Amino acid sequence: MSRLFYVALVALDGKKLGILLSIGPEHPSFRHGVALAQTALGQGVDVYLYCLDEAVRGLDDPGLQRLRAEGLKLYACAYGAQRRGIALSDRATFAGLTVVSDLVSATDRFISFN
């Protein structure tokens, strides 16, 4: 975790962080987003993560699901899942893009990994 992200997370203690992932789980940026979510949760930040486009393929990622069990609010694009043949399940809350808009306006910080 970079020092910049760490300093930003300390300032968010007790607040809300939104993260958007739109790249597949094999991409380093997907890992960075998951690592940021993990660090933020550990700092007492309320974390909301939305998987869009290729990121819906990462819903089975063990690290992501472990974070969900630890309090991560995990959302996934229902349309993106349908387009990729991924069945709706309890791995995430499947929703539309209006949820992204709600997260942008309801969180103290919003970060996108593309």
PDB file of N, CA and C in Angstrom:
ATOM      1  N   MET A   1       0.845  -1.170   0.000  1.00  0.00           N
ATOM      2  CA  MET A   1       0.000   0.000   0.000  1.00  0.00           C
ATOM      3  C   MET A   1       0.891   1.233   0.000  1.00  0.00           C
ATOM      4  N   SER A   2       0.621   2.147  -0.902  1.00  0.00           N
ATOM      5  CA  SER A   2       1.443   3.341  -0.975  1.00  0.00           C
ATOM      6  C   SER A   2       1.165   4.258   0.209  1.00  0.00           C
ATOM      7  N   ARG A   3       2.143   5.064   0.533  1.00  0.00           N
ATOM      8  CA  ARG A   3       1.999   6.006   1.658  1.00  0.00           C
ATOM      9  C   ARG A   3       0.845   6.962   1.402  1.00  0.00           C
ATOM     10  N   LEU A   4       0.660   7.383   0.161  1.00  0.00           N
ATOM     11  CA  LEU A   4      -0.425   8.299  -0.175  1.00  0.00           C
ATOM     12  C   LEU A   4      -1.776   7.695   0.171  1.00  0.00           C
ATOM     13  N   PHE A   5      -2.001   6.434  -0.226  1.00  0.00           N
ATOM     14  CA  PHE A   5      -3.268   5.777   0.108  1.00  0.00           C
ATOM     15  C   PHE A   5      -3.414   5.624   1.609  1.00  0.00           C
ATOM     16  N   TYR A   6      -2.337   5.275   2.301  1.00  0.00           N
ATOM     17  CA  TYR A   6      -2.399   5.083   3.742  1.00  0.00           C
ATOM     18  C   TYR A   6      -2.800   6.381   4.443  1.00  0.00           C
ATOM     19  N   VAL A   7      -2.193   7.495   4.050  1.00  0.00           N
ATOM     20  CA  VAL A   7      -2.525   8.792   4.643  1.00  0.00           C
ATOM     21  C   VAL A   7      -3.976   9.139   4.354  1.00  0.00           C
ATOM     22  N   ALA A   8      -4.427   8.877   3.137  1.00  0.00           N
ATOM     23  CA  ALA A   8      -5.818   9.162   2.780  1.00  0.00           C
ATOM     24  C   ALA A   8      -6.778   8.317   3.602  1.00  0.00           C
ATOM     25  N   LEU A   9      -6.404   7.074   3.883  1.00  0.00           N
ATOM     26  CA  LEU A   9      -7.277   6.200   4.659  1.00  0.00           C
ATOM     27  C   LEU A   9      -7.353   6.604   6.121  1.00  0.00           C
ATOM     28  N   VAL A  10      -6.248   7.062   6.677  1.00  0.00           N
ATOM     29  CA  VAL A  10      -6.259   7.519   8.063  1.00  0.00           C
ATOM     30  C   VAL A  10      -7.245   8.676   8.208  1.00  0.00           C
ATOM     31  N   ALA A  11      -7.284   9.544   7.213  1.00  0.00           N
ATOM     32  CA  ALA A  11      -8.210  10.677   7.237  1.00  0.00           C
ATOM     33  C   ALA A  11      -9.657  10.222   7.104  1.00  0.00           C
ATOM     34  N   LEU A  12      -9.892   9.006   6.638  1.00  0.00           N
ATOM     35  CA  LEU A  12     -11.251   8.492   6.451  1.00  0.00           C
ATOM     36  C   LEU A  12     -11.750   7.659   7.628  1.00  0.00           C
ATOM     37  N   ASP A  13     -10.960   7.539   8.681  1.00  0.00           N
ATOM     38  CA  ASP A  13     -11.359   6.711   9.816  1.00  0.00           C
ATOM     39  C   ASP A  13     -12.799   7.023  10.225  1.00  0.00           C
ATOM     40  N   GLY A  14     -13.634   5.997  10.217  1.00  0.00           N
ATOM     41  CA  GLY A  14     -15.033   6.156  10.586  1.00  0.00           C
ATOM     42  C   GLY A  14     -15.910   6.717   9.476  1.00  0.00           C
ATOM     43  N   LYS A  15     -15.358   6.897   8.286  1.00  0.00           N
ATOM     44  CA  LYS A  15     -16.129   7.445   7.179  1.00  0.00           C
ATOM     45  C   LYS A  15     -16.353   6.377   6.111  1.00  0.00           C
ATOM     46  N   LYS A  16     -16.828   6.802   4.939  1.00  0.00           N
ATOM     47  CA  LYS A  16     -17.190   5.873   3.865  1.00  0.00           C
ATOM     48  C   LYS A  16     -16.294   6.042   2.648  1.00  0.00           C
ATOM     49  N   LEU A  17     -15.846   4.886   2.115  1.00  0.00           N
ATOM     50  CA  LEU A  17     -15.023   4.851   0.911  1.00  0.00           C
ATOM     51  C   LEU A  17     -15.732   4.019  -0.145  1.00  0.00           C
ATOM     52  N   GLY A  18     -15.854   4.559  -1.339  1.00  0.00           N
ATOM     53  CA  GLY A  18     -16.400   3.830  -2.473  1.00  0.00           C
ATOM     54  C   GLY A  18     -15.284   3.442  -3.429  1.00  0.00           C
ATOM     55  N   ILE A  19     -15.314   2.202  -3.908  1.00  0.00           N
ATOM     56  CA  ILE A  19     -14.315   1.715  -4.857  1.00  0.00           C
ATOM     57  C   ILE A  19     -15.047   1.096  -6.038  1.00  0.00           C
ATOM     58  N   LEU A  20     -14.643   1.484  -7.241  1.00  0.00           N
ATOM     59  CA  LEU A  20     -15.182   0.902  -8.469  1.00  0.00           C
ATOM     60  C   LEU A  20     -14.070   0.118  -9.146  1.00  0.00           C
ATOM     61  N   LEU A  21     -14.336  -1.147  -9.443  1.00  0.00           N
ATOM     62  CA  LEU A  21     -13.412  -1.977 -10.215  1.00  0.00           C
ATOM     63  C   LEU A  21     -14.081  -2.301 -11.541  1.00  0.00           C
ATOM     64  N   SER A  22     -13.350  -2.094 -12.643  1.00  0.00           N
ATOM     65  CA  SER A  22     -13.929  -2.432 -13.950  1.00  0.00           C
ATOM     66  C   SER A  22     -13.010  -3.333 -14.767  1.00  0.00           C
ATOM     67  N   ILE A  23     -11.916  -3.784 -14.181  1.00  0.00           N
ATOM     68  CA  ILE A  23     -10.964  -4.650 -14.875  1.00  0.00           C
ATOM     69  C   ILE A  23     -11.036  -6.061 -14.307  1.00  0.00           C
ATOM     70  N   GLY A  24     -10.603  -7.018 -15.094  1.00  0.00           N
ATOM     71  CA  GLY A  24     -10.679  -8.419 -14.687  1.00  0.00           C
ATOM     72  C   GLY A  24      -9.765  -8.746 -13.519  1.00  0.00           C
ATOM     73  N   PRO A  25     -10.036  -9.848 -12.851  1.00  0.00           N
ATOM     74  CA  PRO A  25      -9.274 -10.236 -11.651  1.00  0.00           C
ATOM     75  C   PRO A  25      -7.811 -10.561 -11.929  1.00  0.00           C
ATOM     76  N   GLU A  26      -7.445 -10.785 -13.190  1.00  0.00           N
ATOM     77  CA  GLU A  26      -6.052 -11.067 -13.530  1.00  0.00           C
ATOM     78  C   GLU A  26      -5.210  -9.787 -13.650  1.00  0.00           C
ATOM     79  N   HIS A  27      -5.860  -8.640 -13.633  1.00  0.00           N
ATOM     80  CA  HIS A  27      -5.183  -7.359 -13.805  1.00  0.00           C
ATOM     81  C   HIS A  27      -4.656  -6.841 -12.460  1.00  0.00           C
ATOM     82  N   PRO A  28      -3.444  -6.282 -12.432  1.00  0.00           N
ATOM     83  CA  PRO A  28      -2.901  -5.766 -11.166  1.00  0.00           C
ATOM     84  C   PRO A  28      -3.792  -4.715 -10.495  1.00  0.00           C
ATOM     85  N   SER A  29      -4.510  -3.932 -11.282  1.00  0.00           N
ATOM     86  CA  SER A  29      -5.374  -2.910 -10.681  1.00  0.00           C
ATOM     87  C   SER A  29      -6.526  -3.528  -9.889  1.00  0.00           C
ATOM     88  N   PHE A  30      -6.979  -4.706 -10.295  1.00  0.00           N
ATOM     89  CA  PHE A  30      -8.007  -5.409  -9.516  1.00  0.00           C
ATOM     90  C   PHE A  30      -7.439  -5.722  -8.134  1.00  0.00           C
ATOM     91  N   ARG A  31      -6.219  -6.259  -8.106  1.00  0.00           N
ATOM     92  CA  ARG A  31      -5.539  -6.588  -6.835  1.00  0.00           C
ATOM     93  C   ARG A  31      -5.337  -5.335  -5.982  1.00  0.00           C
ATOM     94  N   HIS A  32      -4.972  -4.220  -6.622  1.00  0.00           N
ATOM     95  CA  HIS A  32      -4.774  -2.974  -5.878  1.00  0.00           C
ATOM     96  C   HIS A  32      -6.082  -2.522  -5.235  1.00  0.00           C
ATOM     97  N   GLY A  33      -7.171  -2.631  -5.987  1.00  0.00           N
ATOM     98  CA  GLY A  33      -8.471  -2.248  -5.435  1.00  0.00           C
ATOM     99  C   GLY A  33      -8.875  -3.102  -4.255  1.00  0.00           C
ATOM    100  N   VAL A  34      -8.650  -4.405  -4.362  1.00  0.00           N
ATOM    101  CA  VAL A  34      -8.969  -5.318  -3.261  1.00  0.00           C
ATOM    102  C   VAL A  34      -8.072  -5.025  -2.055  1.00  0.00           C
ATOM    103  N   ALA A  35      -6.785  -4.765  -2.315  1.00  0.00           N
ATOM    104  CA  ALA A  35      -5.858  -4.441  -1.224  1.00  0.00           C
ATOM    105  C   ALA A  35      -6.252  -3.138  -0.533  1.00  0.00           C
ATOM    106  N   LEU A  36      -6.686  -2.150  -1.306  1.00  0.00           N
ATOM    107  CA  LEU A  36      -7.144  -0.891  -0.725  1.00  0.00           C
ATOM    108  C   LEU A  36      -8.362  -1.132   0.154  1.00  0.00           C
ATOM    109  N   ALA A  37      -9.301  -1.933  -0.334  1.00  0.00           N
ATOM    110  CA  ALA A  37     -10.493  -2.247   0.458  1.00  0.00           C
ATOM    111  C   ALA A  37     -10.107  -2.926   1.769  1.00  0.00           C
ATOM    112  N   GLN A  38      -9.173  -3.861   1.706  1.00  0.00           N
ATOM    113  CA  GLN A  38      -8.728  -4.572   2.905  1.00  0.00           C
ATOM    114  C   GLN A  38      -8.084  -3.611   3.911  1.00  0.00           C
ATOM    115  N   THR A  39      -7.206  -2.759   3.428  1.00  0.00           N
ATOM    116  CA  THR A  39      -6.535  -1.797   4.298  1.00  0.00           C
ATOM    117  C   THR A  39      -7.535  -0.833   4.916  1.00  0.00           C
ATOM    118  N   ALA A  40      -8.469  -0.364   4.097  1.00  0.00           N
ATOM    119  CA  ALA A  40      -9.473   0.574   4.596  1.00  0.00           C
ATOM    120  C   ALA A  40     -10.346  -0.068   5.668  1.00  0.00           C
ATOM    121  N   LEU A  41     -10.787  -1.290   5.440  1.00  0.00           N
ATOM    122  CA  LEU A  41     -11.584  -1.989   6.452  1.00  0.00           C
ATOM    123  C   LEU A  41     -10.797  -2.111   7.755  1.00  0.00           C
ATOM    124  N   GLY A  42      -9.519  -2.401   7.655  1.00  0.00           N
ATOM    125  CA  GLY A  42      -8.666  -2.518   8.828  1.00  0.00           C
ATOM    126  C   GLY A  42      -8.483  -1.205   9.570  1.00  0.00           C
ATOM    127  N   GLN A  43      -8.704  -0.095   8.882  1.00  0.00           N
ATOM    128  CA  GLN A  43      -8.579   1.234   9.489  1.00  0.00           C
ATOM    129  C   GLN A  43      -9.920   1.757  10.011  1.00  0.00           C
ATOM    130  N   GLY A  44     -10.956   0.929   9.955  1.00  0.00           N
ATOM    131  CA  GLY A  44     -12.264   1.355  10.452  1.00  0.00           C
ATOM    132  C   GLY A  44     -13.104   2.121   9.458  1.00  0.00           C
ATOM    133  N   VAL A  45     -12.727   2.050   8.185  1.00  0.00           N
ATOM    134  CA  VAL A  45     -13.470   2.735   7.131  1.00  0.00           C
ATOM    135  C   VAL A  45     -14.602   1.828   6.660  1.00  0.00           C
ATOM    136  N   ASP A  46     -15.753   2.400   6.410  1.00  0.00           N
ATOM    137  CA  ASP A  46     -16.901   1.692   5.850  1.00  0.00           C
ATOM    138  C   ASP A  46     -16.677   1.631   4.335  1.00  0.00           C
ATOM    139  N   VAL A  47     -16.499   0.418   3.767  1.00  0.00           N
ATOM    140  CA  VAL A  47     -16.095   0.288   2.362  1.00  0.00           C
ATOM    141  C   VAL A  47     -17.215  -0.309   1.510  1.00  0.00           C
ATOM    142  N   TYR A  48     -17.468   0.354   0.389  1.00  0.00           N
ATOM    143  CA  TYR A  48     -18.448  -0.074  -0.607  1.00  0.00           C
ATOM    144  C   TYR A  48     -17.695  -0.320  -1.900  1.00  0.00           C
ATOM    145  N   LEU A  49     -17.777  -1.528  -2.441  1.00  0.00           N
ATOM    146  CA  LEU A  49     -17.041  -1.879  -3.649  1.00  0.00           C
ATOM    147  C   LEU A  49     -18.024  -2.348  -4.722  1.00  0.00           C
ATOM    148  N   TYR A  50     -17.927  -1.752  -5.910  1.00  0.00           N
ATOM    149  CA  TYR A  50     -18.809  -2.095  -7.027  1.00  0.00           C
ATOM    150  C   TYR A  50     -17.969  -2.688  -8.149  1.00  0.00           C
ATOM    151  N   CYS A  51     -18.320  -3.891  -8.582  1.00  0.00           N
ATOM    152  CA  CYS A  51     -17.657  -4.557  -9.710  1.00  0.00           C
ATOM    153  C   CYS A  51     -18.465  -4.316 -10.978  1.00  0.00           C
ATOM    154  N   LEU A  52     -17.805  -3.765 -11.966  1.00  0.00           N
ATOM    155  CA  LEU A  52     -18.432  -3.411 -13.236  1.00  0.00           C
ATOM    156  C   LEU A  52     -17.659  -4.087 -14.360  1.00  0.00           C
ATOM    157  N   ASP A  53     -18.307  -4.321 -15.472  1.00  0.00           N
ATOM    158  CA  ASP A  53     -17.661  -4.873 -16.667  1.00  0.00           C
ATOM    159  C   ASP A  53     -16.881  -6.145 -16.332  1.00  0.00           C
ATOM    160  N   GLU A  54     -15.597  -6.202 -16.697  1.00  0.00           N
ATOM    161  CA  GLU A  54     -14.798  -7.414 -16.504  1.00  0.00           C
ATOM    162  C   GLU A  54     -14.584  -7.776 -15.034  1.00  0.00           C
ATOM    163  N   ALA A  55     -14.744  -6.829 -14.144  1.00  0.00           N
ATOM    164  CA  ALA A  55     -14.530  -7.104 -12.719  1.00  0.00           C
ATOM    165  C   ALA A  55     -15.562  -8.077 -12.152  1.00  0.00           C
ATOM    166  N   VAL A  56     -16.722  -8.219 -12.806  1.00  0.00           N
ATOM    167  CA  VAL A  56     -17.707  -9.178 -12.292  1.00  0.00           C
ATOM    168  C   VAL A  56     -17.167 -10.609 -12.339  1.00  0.00           C
ATOM    169  N   ARG A  57     -16.170 -10.843 -13.196  1.00  0.00           N
ATOM    170  CA  ARG A  57     -15.557 -12.180 -13.233  1.00  0.00           C
ATOM    171  C   ARG A  57     -14.772 -12.480 -11.961  1.00  0.00           C
ATOM    172  N   GLY A  58     -14.487 -11.468 -11.162  1.00  0.00           N
ATOM    173  CA  GLY A  58     -13.721 -11.647  -9.939  1.00  0.00           C
ATOM    174  C   GLY A  58     -14.554 -11.868  -8.691  1.00  0.00           C
ATOM    175  N   LEU A  59     -15.854 -12.028  -8.846  1.00  0.00           N
ATOM    176  CA  LEU A  59     -16.713 -12.194  -7.670  1.00  0.00           C
ATOM    177  C   LEU A  59     -16.382 -13.436  -6.855  1.00  0.00           C
ATOM    178  N   ASP A  60     -15.809 -14.449  -7.485  1.00  0.00           N
ATOM    179  CA  ASP A  60     -15.425 -15.662  -6.760  1.00  0.00           C
ATOM    180  C   ASP A  60     -14.045 -15.553  -6.116  1.00  0.00           C
ATOM    181  N   ASP A  61     -13.389 -14.409  -6.285  1.00  0.00           N
ATOM    182  CA  ASP A  61     -12.067 -14.220  -5.702  1.00  0.00           C
ATOM    183  C   ASP A  61     -12.142 -14.444  -4.184  1.00  0.00           C
ATOM    184  N   PRO A  62     -11.341 -15.383  -3.662  1.00  0.00           N
ATOM    185  CA  PRO A  62     -11.403 -15.682  -2.225  1.00  0.00           C
ATOM    186  C   PRO A  62     -11.123 -14.468  -1.344  1.00  0.00           C
ATOM    187  N   GLY A  63     -10.191 -13.622  -1.762  1.00  0.00           N
ATOM    188  CA  GLY A  63      -9.886 -12.432  -0.971  1.00  0.00           C
ATOM    189  C   GLY A  63     -11.060 -11.474  -0.912  1.00  0.00           C
ATOM    190  N   LEU A  64     -11.723 -11.303  -2.030  1.00  0.00           N
ATOM    191  CA  LEU A  64     -12.880 -10.423  -2.096  1.00  0.00           C
ATOM    192  C   LEU A  64     -14.017 -10.967  -1.233  1.00  0.00           C
ATOM    193  N   GLN A  65     -14.252 -12.256  -1.310  1.00  0.00           N
ATOM    194  CA  GLN A  65     -15.322 -12.857  -0.507  1.00  0.00           C
ATOM    195  C   GLN A  65     -14.976 -12.831   0.992  1.00  0.00           C
ATOM    196  N   ARG A  66     -13.693 -12.977   1.330  1.00  0.00           N
ATOM    197  CA  ARG A  66     -13.283 -12.881   2.736  1.00  0.00           C
ATOM    198  C   ARG A  66     -13.552 -11.468   3.260  1.00  0.00           C
ATOM    199  N   LEU A  67     -13.246 -10.458   2.438  1.00  0.00           N
ATOM    200  CA  LEU A  67     -13.512  -9.076   2.839  1.00  0.00           C
ATOM    201  C   LEU A  67     -15.003  -8.831   3.022  1.00  0.00           C
ATOM    202  N   ARG A  68     -15.772  -9.447   2.189  1.00  0.00           N
ATOM    203  CA  ARG A  68     -17.233  -9.327   2.321  1.00  0.00           C
ATOM    204  C   ARG A  68     -17.680  -9.864   3.679  1.00  0.00           C
ATOM    205  N   ALA A  69     -17.100 -10.981   4.082  1.00  0.00           N
ATOM    206  CA  ALA A  69     -17.422 -11.554   5.388  1.00  0.00           C
ATOM    207  C   ALA A  69     -16.953 -10.651   6.527  1.00  0.00           C
ATOM    208  N   GLU A  70     -15.961  -9.809   6.249  1.00  0.00           N
ATOM    209  CA  GLU A  70     -15.416  -8.895   7.257  1.00  0.00           C
ATOM    210  C   GLU A  70     -16.096  -7.524   7.251  1.00  0.00           C
ATOM    211  N   GLY A  71     -17.109  -7.348   6.400  1.00  0.00           N
ATOM    212  CA  GLY A  71     -17.867  -6.103   6.422  1.00  0.00           C
ATOM    213  C   GLY A  71     -17.888  -5.304   5.138  1.00  0.00           C
ATOM    214  N   LEU A  72     -17.168  -5.748   4.102  1.00  0.00           N
ATOM    215  CA  LEU A  72     -17.199  -5.063   2.815  1.00  0.00           C
ATOM    216  C   LEU A  72     -18.606  -5.138   2.236  1.00  0.00           C
ATOM    217  N   LYS A  73     -19.111  -4.010   1.771  1.00  0.00           N
ATOM    218  CA  LYS A  73     -20.392  -3.988   1.069  1.00  0.00           C
ATOM    219  C   LYS A  73     -20.078  -4.173  -0.408  1.00  0.00           C
ATOM    220  N   LEU A  74     -20.354  -5.367  -0.938  1.00  0.00           N
ATOM    221  CA  LEU A  74     -19.966  -5.733  -2.294  1.00  0.00           C
ATOM    222  C   LEU A  74     -21.164  -5.715  -3.228  1.00  0.00           C
ATOM    223  N   TYR A  75     -21.022  -4.930  -4.297  1.00  0.00           N
ATOM    224  CA  TYR A  75     -22.048  -4.822  -5.332  1.00  0.00           C
ATOM    225  C   TYR A  75     -21.462  -5.266  -6.663  1.00  0.00           C
ATOM    226  N   ALA A  76     -22.317  -5.748  -7.545  1.00  0.00           N
ATOM    227  CA  ALA A  76     -21.880  -6.137  -8.878  1.00  0.00           C
ATOM    228  C   ALA A  76     -22.946  -5.727  -9.893  1.00  0.00           C
ATOM    229  N   CYS A  77     -22.489  -5.399 -11.068  1.00  0.00           N
ATOM    230  CA  CYS A  77     -23.377  -4.996 -12.148  1.00  0.00           C
ATOM    231  C   CYS A  77     -24.154  -6.208 -12.658  1.00  0.00           C
ATOM    232  N   ALA A  78     -25.455  -6.179 -12.516  1.00  0.00           N
ATOM    233  CA  ALA A  78     -26.292  -7.296 -12.956  1.00  0.00           C
ATOM    234  C   ALA A  78     -26.212  -7.477 -14.472  1.00  0.00           C
ATOM    235  N   TYR A  79     -26.188  -6.383 -15.209  1.00  0.00           N
ATOM    236  CA  TYR A  79     -26.095  -6.470 -16.661  1.00  0.00           C
ATOM    237  C   TYR A  79     -24.748  -7.053 -17.084  1.00  0.00           C
ATOM    238  N   GLY A  80     -23.675  -6.595 -16.457  1.00  0.00           N
ATOM    239  CA  GLY A  80     -22.342  -7.116 -16.769  1.00  0.00           C
ATOM    240  C   GLY A  80     -22.236  -8.603 -16.484  1.00  0.00           C
ATOM    241  N   ALA A  81     -22.851  -9.043 -15.395  1.00  0.00           N
ATOM    242  CA  ALA A  81     -22.846 -10.471 -15.068  1.00  0.00           C
ATOM    243  C   ALA A  81     -23.626 -11.259 -16.116  1.00  0.00           C
ATOM    244  N   GLN A  82     -24.786 -10.763 -16.483  1.00  0.00           N
ATOM    245  CA  GLN A  82     -25.608 -11.444 -17.489  1.00  0.00           C
ATOM    246  C   GLN A  82     -24.856 -11.563 -18.810  1.00  0.00           C
ATOM    247  N   ARG A  83     -24.200 -10.492 -19.241  1.00  0.00           N
ATOM    248  CA  ARG A  83     -23.456 -10.499 -20.504  1.00  0.00           C
ATOM    249  C   ARG A  83     -22.313 -11.502 -20.506  1.00  0.00           C
ATOM    250  N   ARG A  84     -21.802 -11.827 -19.317  1.00  0.00           N
ATOM    251  CA  ARG A  84     -20.666 -12.752 -19.211  1.00  0.00           C
ATOM    252  C   ARG A  84     -21.085 -14.137 -18.740  1.00  0.00           C
ATOM    253  N   GLY A  85     -22.379 -14.390 -18.707  1.00  0.00           N
ATOM    254  CA  GLY A  85     -22.880 -15.706 -18.328  1.00  0.00           C
ATOM    255  C   GLY A  85     -22.683 -16.045 -16.861  1.00  0.00           C
ATOM    256  N   ILE A  86     -22.595 -15.028 -16.018  1.00  0.00           N
ATOM    257  CA  ILE A  86     -22.411 -15.233 -14.577  1.00  0.00           C
ATOM    258  C   ILE A  86     -23.778 -15.158 -13.908  1.00  0.00           C
ATOM    259  N   ALA A  87     -24.129 -16.232 -13.228  1.00  0.00           N
ATOM    260  CA  ALA A  87     -25.438 -16.300 -12.569  1.00  0.00           C
ATOM    261  C   ALA A  87     -25.488 -15.371 -11.361  1.00  0.00           C
ATOM    262  N   LEU A  88     -26.644 -14.754 -11.178  1.00  0.00           N
ATOM    263  CA  LEU A  88     -26.856 -13.944  -9.986  1.00  0.00           C
ATOM    264  C   LEU A  88     -26.847 -14.869  -8.772  1.00  0.00           C
ATOM    265  N   SER A  89     -26.228 -14.426  -7.705  1.00  0.00           N
ATOM    266  CA  SER A  89     -26.102 -15.265  -6.511  1.00  0.00           C
ATOM    267  C   SER A  89     -25.948 -14.364  -5.296  1.00  0.00           C
ATOM    268  N   ASP A  90     -25.653 -14.988  -4.158  1.00  0.00           N
ATOM    269  CA  ASP A  90     -25.456 -14.217  -2.937  1.00  0.00           C
ATOM    270  C   ASP A  90     -24.004 -13.774  -2.753  1.00  0.00           C
ATOM    271  N   ARG A  91     -23.156 -13.931  -3.763  1.00  0.00           N
ATOM    272  CA  ARG A  91     -21.753 -13.498  -3.687  1.00  0.00           C
ATOM    273  C   ARG A  91     -21.628 -11.986  -3.608  1.00  0.00           C
ATOM    274  N   ALA A  92     -22.663 -11.270  -4.094  1.00  0.00           N
ATOM    275  CA  ALA A  92     -22.683  -9.809  -4.094  1.00  0.00           C
ATOM    276  C   ALA A  92     -24.133  -9.366  -4.200  1.00  0.00           C
ATOM    277  N   THR A  93     -24.356  -8.091  -3.979  1.00  0.00           N
ATOM    278  CA  THR A  93     -25.659  -7.509  -4.258  1.00  0.00           C
ATOM    279  C   THR A  93     -25.621  -7.057  -5.711  1.00  0.00           C
ATOM    280  N   PHE A  94     -26.416  -7.683  -6.556  1.00  0.00           N
ATOM    281  CA  PHE A  94     -26.432  -7.350  -7.982  1.00  0.00           C
ATOM    282  C   PHE A  94     -27.386  -6.183  -8.202  1.00  0.00           C
ATOM    283  N   ALA A  95     -26.897  -5.190  -8.925  1.00  0.00           N
ATOM    284  CA  ALA A  95     -27.669  -3.967  -9.106  1.00  0.00           C
ATOM    285  C   ALA A  95     -27.279  -3.301 -10.413  1.00  0.00           C
ATOM    286  N   GLY A  96     -27.951  -2.199 -10.689  1.00  0.00           N
ATOM    287  CA  GLY A  96     -27.661  -1.423 -11.889  1.00  0.00           C
ATOM    288  C   GLY A  96     -26.722  -0.271 -11.591  1.00  0.00           C
ATOM    289  N   LEU A  97     -26.481   0.530 -12.614  1.00  0.00           N
ATOM    290  CA  LEU A  97     -25.532   1.631 -12.490  1.00  0.00           C
ATOM    291  C   LEU A  97     -26.029   2.773 -11.610  1.00  0.00           C
ATOM    292  N   THR A  98     -27.312   2.812 -11.301  1.00  0.00           N
ATOM    293  CA  THR A  98     -27.784   3.856 -10.386  1.00  0.00           C
ATOM    294  C   THR A  98     -27.141   3.700  -9.012  1.00  0.00           C
ATOM    295  N   VAL A  99     -26.769   2.471  -8.655  1.00  0.00           N
ATOM    296  CA  VAL A  99     -26.092   2.249  -7.384  1.00  0.00           C
ATOM    297  C   VAL A  99     -24.725   2.938  -7.391  1.00  0.00           C
ATOM    298  N   VAL A 100     -24.031   2.916  -8.526  1.00  0.00           N
ATOM    299  CA  VAL A 100     -22.739   3.606  -8.618  1.00  0.00           C
ATOM    300  C   VAL A 100     -22.945   5.097  -8.345  1.00  0.00           C
ATOM    301  N   SER A 101     -23.968   5.677  -8.946  1.00  0.00           N
ATOM    302  CA  SER A 101     -24.268   7.087  -8.720  1.00  0.00           C
ATOM    303  C   SER A 101     -24.549   7.347  -7.244  1.00  0.00           C
ATOM    304  N   ASP A 102     -25.308   6.470  -6.629  1.00  0.00           N
ATOM    305  CA  ASP A 102     -25.604   6.609  -5.198  1.00  0.00           C
ATOM    306  C   ASP A 102     -24.332   6.511  -4.357  1.00  0.00           C
ATOM    307  N   LEU A 103     -23.435   5.595  -4.724  1.00  0.00           N
ATOM    308  CA  LEU A 103     -22.185   5.440  -3.972  1.00  0.00           C
ATOM    309  C   LEU A 103     -21.295   6.667  -4.116  1.00  0.00           C
ATOM    310  N   VAL A 104     -21.232   7.220  -5.320  1.00  0.00           N
ATOM    311  CA  VAL A 104     -20.420   8.413  -5.536  1.00  0.00           C
ATOM    312  C   VAL A 104     -20.913   9.551  -4.641  1.00  0.00           C
ATOM    313  N   SER A 105     -22.227   9.718  -4.552  1.00  0.00           N
ATOM    314  CA  SER A 105     -22.764  10.831  -3.767  1.00  0.00           C
ATOM    315  C   SER A 105     -22.802  10.542  -2.268  1.00  0.00           C
ATOM    316  N   ALA A 106     -22.828   9.268  -1.870  1.00  0.00           N
ATOM    317  CA  ALA A 106     -22.979   8.936  -0.449  1.00  0.00           C
ATOM    318  C   ALA A 106     -21.671   8.637   0.280  1.00  0.00           C
ATOM    319  N   THR A 107     -20.571   8.505  -0.459  1.00  0.00           N
ATOM    320  CA  THR A 107     -19.297   8.195   0.190  1.00  0.00           C
ATOM    321  C   THR A 107     -18.444   9.459   0.318  1.00  0.00           C
ATOM    322  N   ASP A 108     -17.511   9.417   1.284  1.00  0.00           N
ATOM    323  CA  ASP A 108     -16.629  10.563   1.490  1.00  0.00           C
ATOM    324  C   ASP A 108     -15.543  10.637   0.427  1.00  0.00           C
ATOM    325  N   ARG A 109     -15.118   9.473  -0.073  1.00  0.00           N
ATOM    326  CA  ARG A 109     -14.138   9.385  -1.158  1.00  0.00           C
ATOM    327  C   ARG A 109     -14.583   8.264  -2.099  1.00  0.00           C
ATOM    328  N   PHE A 110     -14.314   8.436  -3.385  1.00  0.00           N
ATOM    329  CA  PHE A 110     -14.657   7.416  -4.368  1.00  0.00           C
ATOM    330  C   PHE A 110     -13.466   7.236  -5.296  1.00  0.00           C
ATOM    331  N   ILE A 111     -12.996   6.001  -5.428  1.00  0.00           N
ATOM    332  CA  ILE A 111     -11.801   5.690  -6.222  1.00  0.00           C
ATOM    333  C   ILE A 111     -12.164   4.627  -7.261  1.00  0.00           C
ATOM    334  N   SER A 112     -11.646   4.812  -8.469  1.00  0.00           N
ATOM    335  CA  SER A 112     -11.920   3.877  -9.552  1.00  0.00           C
ATOM    336  C   SER A 112     -10.617   3.221 -10.025  1.00  0.00           C
ATOM    337  N   PHE A 113     -10.654   1.913 -10.207  1.00  0.00           N
ATOM    338  CA  PHE A 113      -9.539   1.164 -10.775  1.00  0.00           C
ATOM    339  C   PHE A 113      -9.994   0.593 -12.109  1.00  0.00           C
ATOM    340  N   ASN A 114      -9.425   1.121 -13.196  1.00  0.00           N
ATOM    341  CA  ASN A 114      -9.831   0.723 -14.546  1.00  0.00           C
ATOM    342  C   ASN A 114      -8.707  -0.011 -15.237  1.00  0.00           C
TER     343      ASN A 114
END
